[in-house]
Amino acid sequence: MSVFTSLPFNYVFDDLIRIKATSTNFFGTAVFSQINTVGAKVRQVPDKMSQPFLVTRTKTTMTVRWNILNAPATGNSNILSYNLFWNNGNGDLTTQLVDSLVTDYSLTGLIGGTIYSF
């Protein structure tokens, strides 16, 4: 499978691409296939997510939520998952909490007076 980048093809978002293919081996090159009838649309990476916001909190728990992306912010493709990372109190946003389509997350076992970032 080949991945086409914008150069040298100069495709832009929402262009319809139709292709035909051929194969080559030691004995030569085959006749081209028919052009595909459905085509493929050029898509793009989704936009940056909004910052998660606090929904509820107690001394040891909190729930954060984030807004879903809607087209065209999705790159006009389905979102496969949202990822939420936090610093678990150490200042480094490397611990992944969520990799799914949920849009909120509740944490328990938090320590009062600790700063947590998402």
C-alpha atoms as a PDB file:
ATOM      1  CA  MET A   1       0.000   0.000   0.000  1.00  0.00           C
ATOM      2  CA  SER A   2       1.281   3.473  -0.797  1.00  0.00           C
ATOM      3  CA  VAL A   3       0.711   6.657   1.114  1.00  0.00           C
ATOM      4  CA  PHE A   4       0.403   9.760  -1.019  1.00  0.00           C
ATOM      5  CA  THR A   5       1.603  12.987   0.484  1.00  0.00           C
ATOM      6  CA  SER A   6       0.711  16.412  -0.827  1.00  0.00           C
ATOM      7  CA  LEU A   7       3.970  16.748  -2.755  1.00  0.00           C
ATOM      8  CA  PRO A   8       4.507  15.988  -5.618  1.00  0.00           C
ATOM      9  CA  PHE A   9       0.806  15.283  -6.121  1.00  0.00           C
ATOM     10  CA  ASN A  10      -0.537  18.632  -4.842  1.00  0.00           C
ATOM     11  CA  TYR A  11      -3.718  17.083  -3.478  1.00  0.00           C
ATOM     12  CA  VAL A  12      -5.721  19.249  -1.126  1.00  0.00           C
ATOM     13  CA  PHE A  13      -8.406  18.526   1.425  1.00  0.00           C
ATOM     14  CA  ASP A  14     -11.567  16.966  -0.025  1.00  0.00           C
ATOM     15  CA  ASP A  15     -10.050  16.168  -3.450  1.00  0.00           C
ATOM     16  CA  LEU A  16     -11.479  12.969  -4.907  1.00  0.00           C
ATOM     17  CA  ILE A  17      -8.769  10.554  -5.982  1.00  0.00           C
ATOM     18  CA  ARG A  18      -9.419   7.723  -8.429  1.00  0.00           C
ATOM     19  CA  ILE A  19      -6.657   5.292  -9.239  1.00  0.00           C
ATOM     20  CA  LYS A  20      -5.785   2.350 -11.410  1.00  0.00           C
ATOM     21  CA  ALA A  21      -3.023  -0.141 -10.685  1.00  0.00           C
ATOM     22  CA  THR A  22      -0.637  -2.506 -12.357  1.00  0.00           C
ATOM     23  CA  SER A  23       1.943  -4.994 -11.172  1.00  0.00           C
ATOM     24  CA  THR A  24       5.435  -5.838 -12.339  1.00  0.00           C
ATOM     25  CA  ASN A  25       7.533  -8.946 -11.904  1.00  0.00           C
ATOM     26  CA  PHE A  26      10.591 -10.488 -13.537  1.00  0.00           C
ATOM     27  CA  PHE A  27       8.644 -11.223 -16.724  1.00  0.00           C
ATOM     28  CA  GLY A  28       7.171  -7.774 -17.272  1.00  0.00           C
ATOM     29  CA  THR A  29       4.351  -5.410 -16.392  1.00  0.00           C
ATOM     30  CA  ALA A  30       0.665  -6.337 -16.436  1.00  0.00           C
ATOM     31  CA  VAL A  31      -2.117  -4.363 -18.097  1.00  0.00           C
ATOM     32  CA  PHE A  32      -3.576  -1.597 -15.879  1.00  0.00           C
ATOM     33  CA  SER A  33      -6.694  -2.340 -13.860  1.00  0.00           C
ATOM     34  CA  GLN A  34      -9.918  -0.447 -14.358  1.00  0.00           C
ATOM     35  CA  ILE A  35     -10.123   2.894 -12.503  1.00  0.00           C
ATOM     36  CA  ASN A  36     -11.735   2.401  -9.107  1.00  0.00           C
ATOM     37  CA  THR A  37     -15.329   3.620  -9.151  1.00  0.00           C
ATOM     38  CA  VAL A  38     -15.632   4.865  -5.583  1.00  0.00           C
ATOM     39  CA  GLY A  39     -12.443   6.860  -5.233  1.00  0.00           C
ATOM     40  CA  ALA A  40     -10.955   8.152  -2.019  1.00  0.00           C
ATOM     41  CA  LYS A  41     -11.248  11.581  -0.433  1.00  0.00           C
ATOM     42  CA  VAL A  42      -8.223  13.413   0.914  1.00  0.00           C
ATOM     43  CA  ARG A  43      -8.596  13.906   4.675  1.00  0.00           C
ATOM     44  CA  GLN A  44      -6.483  15.524   7.356  1.00  0.00           C
ATOM     45  CA  VAL A  45      -5.431  15.199  10.973  1.00  0.00           C
ATOM     46  CA  PRO A  46      -8.096  16.345  13.483  1.00  0.00           C
ATOM     47  CA  ASP A  47      -7.825  19.754  15.103  1.00  0.00           C
ATOM     48  CA  LYS A  48      -6.312  20.240  18.537  1.00  0.00           C
ATOM     49  CA  MET A  49      -8.680  19.299  21.348  1.00  0.00           C
ATOM     50  CA  SER A  50     -10.030  21.839  23.782  1.00  0.00           C
ATOM     51  CA  GLN A  51      -8.571  21.837  27.278  1.00  0.00           C
ATOM     52  CA  PRO A  52     -10.244  19.366  29.688  1.00  0.00           C
ATOM     53  CA  PHE A  53     -12.314  21.078  32.373  1.00  0.00           C
ATOM     54  CA  LEU A  54     -13.278  20.133  35.914  1.00  0.00           C
ATOM     55  CA  VAL A  55     -16.837  18.827  36.370  1.00  0.00           C
ATOM     56  CA  THR A  56     -16.862  17.711  40.013  1.00  0.00           C
ATOM     57  CA  ARG A  57     -14.352  17.235  42.816  1.00  0.00           C
ATOM     58  CA  THR A  58     -14.043  16.107  46.402  1.00  0.00           C
ATOM     59  CA  LYS A  59     -10.954  15.759  48.609  1.00  0.00           C
ATOM     60  CA  THR A  60      -9.975  12.488  46.911  1.00  0.00           C
ATOM     61  CA  THR A  61     -11.844  12.377  43.577  1.00  0.00           C
ATOM     62  CA  MET A  62     -12.420  14.520  40.520  1.00  0.00           C
ATOM     63  CA  THR A  63     -14.146  14.214  37.177  1.00  0.00           C
ATOM     64  CA  VAL A  64     -12.845  15.998  34.092  1.00  0.00           C
ATOM     65  CA  ARG A  65     -14.597  16.383  30.759  1.00  0.00           C
ATOM     66  CA  TRP A  66     -13.630  17.536  27.278  1.00  0.00           C
ATOM     67  CA  ASN A  67     -15.641  18.592  24.251  1.00  0.00           C
ATOM     68  CA  ILE A  68     -16.101  16.263  21.297  1.00  0.00           C
ATOM     69  CA  LEU A  69     -14.839  17.303  17.899  1.00  0.00           C
ATOM     70  CA  ASN A  70     -17.381  17.878  15.145  1.00  0.00           C
ATOM     71  CA  ALA A  71     -16.719  18.125  11.412  1.00  0.00           C
ATOM     72  CA  PRO A  72     -14.763  19.770   9.925  1.00  0.00           C
ATOM     73  CA  ALA A  73     -12.574  19.790  13.086  1.00  0.00           C
ATOM     74  CA  THR A  74     -12.481  15.974  12.863  1.00  0.00           C
ATOM     75  CA  GLY A  75     -10.631  16.186   9.544  1.00  0.00           C
ATOM     76  CA  ASN A  76     -13.986  15.014   8.134  1.00  0.00           C
ATOM     77  CA  SER A  77     -13.189  11.483   9.299  1.00  0.00           C
ATOM     78  CA  ASN A  78     -14.582   9.573  12.254  1.00  0.00           C
ATOM     79  CA  ILE A  79     -12.735  10.085  15.519  1.00  0.00           C
ATOM     80  CA  LEU A  80     -11.420   6.708  16.664  1.00  0.00           C
ATOM     81  CA  SER A  81     -10.479   7.697  20.202  1.00  0.00           C
ATOM     82  CA  TYR A  82      -9.752  10.554  22.566  1.00  0.00           C
ATOM     83  CA  ASN A  83      -6.616  10.332  24.680  1.00  0.00           C
ATOM     84  CA  LEU A  84      -6.350  11.857  28.140  1.00  0.00           C
ATOM     85  CA  PHE A  85      -2.999  12.161  29.903  1.00  0.00           C
ATOM     86  CA  TRP A  86      -2.257  13.428  33.393  1.00  0.00           C
ATOM     87  CA  ASN A  87       0.783  14.190  35.515  1.00  0.00           C
ATOM     88  CA  ASN A  88      -0.287  12.091  38.561  1.00  0.00           C
ATOM     89  CA  GLY A  89       1.249  14.787  40.770  1.00  0.00           C
ATOM     90  CA  ASN A  90       4.807  14.558  39.424  1.00  0.00           C
ATOM     91  CA  GLY A  91       4.556  17.394  36.846  1.00  0.00           C
ATOM     92  CA  ASP A  92       5.048  15.199  33.757  1.00  0.00           C
ATOM     93  CA  LEU A  93       2.045  14.640  31.425  1.00  0.00           C
ATOM     94  CA  THR A  94       2.982  11.097  30.407  1.00  0.00           C
ATOM     95  CA  THR A  95       0.483   8.836  32.177  1.00  0.00           C
ATOM     96  CA  GLN A  96      -2.336   7.867  29.823  1.00  0.00           C
ATOM     97  CA  LEU A  97      -5.753   7.504  31.440  1.00  0.00           C
ATOM     98  CA  VAL A  98      -8.101   7.232  28.468  1.00  0.00           C
ATOM     99  CA  ASP A  99      -7.866   5.888  24.935  1.00  0.00           C
ATOM    100  CA  SER A 100     -11.515   5.595  23.906  1.00  0.00           C
ATOM    101  CA  LEU A 101     -14.530   7.571  22.727  1.00  0.00           C
ATOM    102  CA  VAL A 102     -15.606   8.634  26.231  1.00  0.00           C
ATOM    103  CA  THR A 103     -15.611  12.378  26.912  1.00  0.00           C
ATOM    104  CA  ASP A 104     -15.185  12.389  30.677  1.00  0.00           C
ATOM    105  CA  TYR A 105     -13.095  10.575  33.237  1.00  0.00           C
ATOM    106  CA  SER A 106     -13.300  10.194  37.017  1.00  0.00           C
ATOM    107  CA  LEU A 107     -10.193   9.767  39.149  1.00  0.00           C
ATOM    108  CA  THR A 108     -10.136   8.434  42.695  1.00  0.00           C
ATOM    109  CA  GLY A 109      -7.445   8.181  45.348  1.00  0.00           C
ATOM    110  CA  LEU A 110      -6.180  11.730  44.856  1.00  0.00           C
ATOM    111  CA  ILE A 111      -4.211  13.484  47.582  1.00  0.00           C
ATOM    112  CA  GLY A 112      -5.426  16.874  48.821  1.00  0.00           C
ATOM    113  CA  GLY A 113      -3.038  19.769  48.205  1.00  0.00           C
ATOM    114  CA  THR A 114      -1.422  18.105  45.161  1.00  0.00           C
ATOM    115  CA  ILE A 115      -1.617  19.875  41.791  1.00  0.00           C
ATOM    116  CA  TYR A 116      -2.779  17.611  38.980  1.00  0.00           C
ATOM    117  CA  SER A 117      -2.728  18.554  35.282  1.00  0.00           C
ATOM    118  CA  PHE A 118      -4.533  16.959  32.330  1.00  0.00           C
END
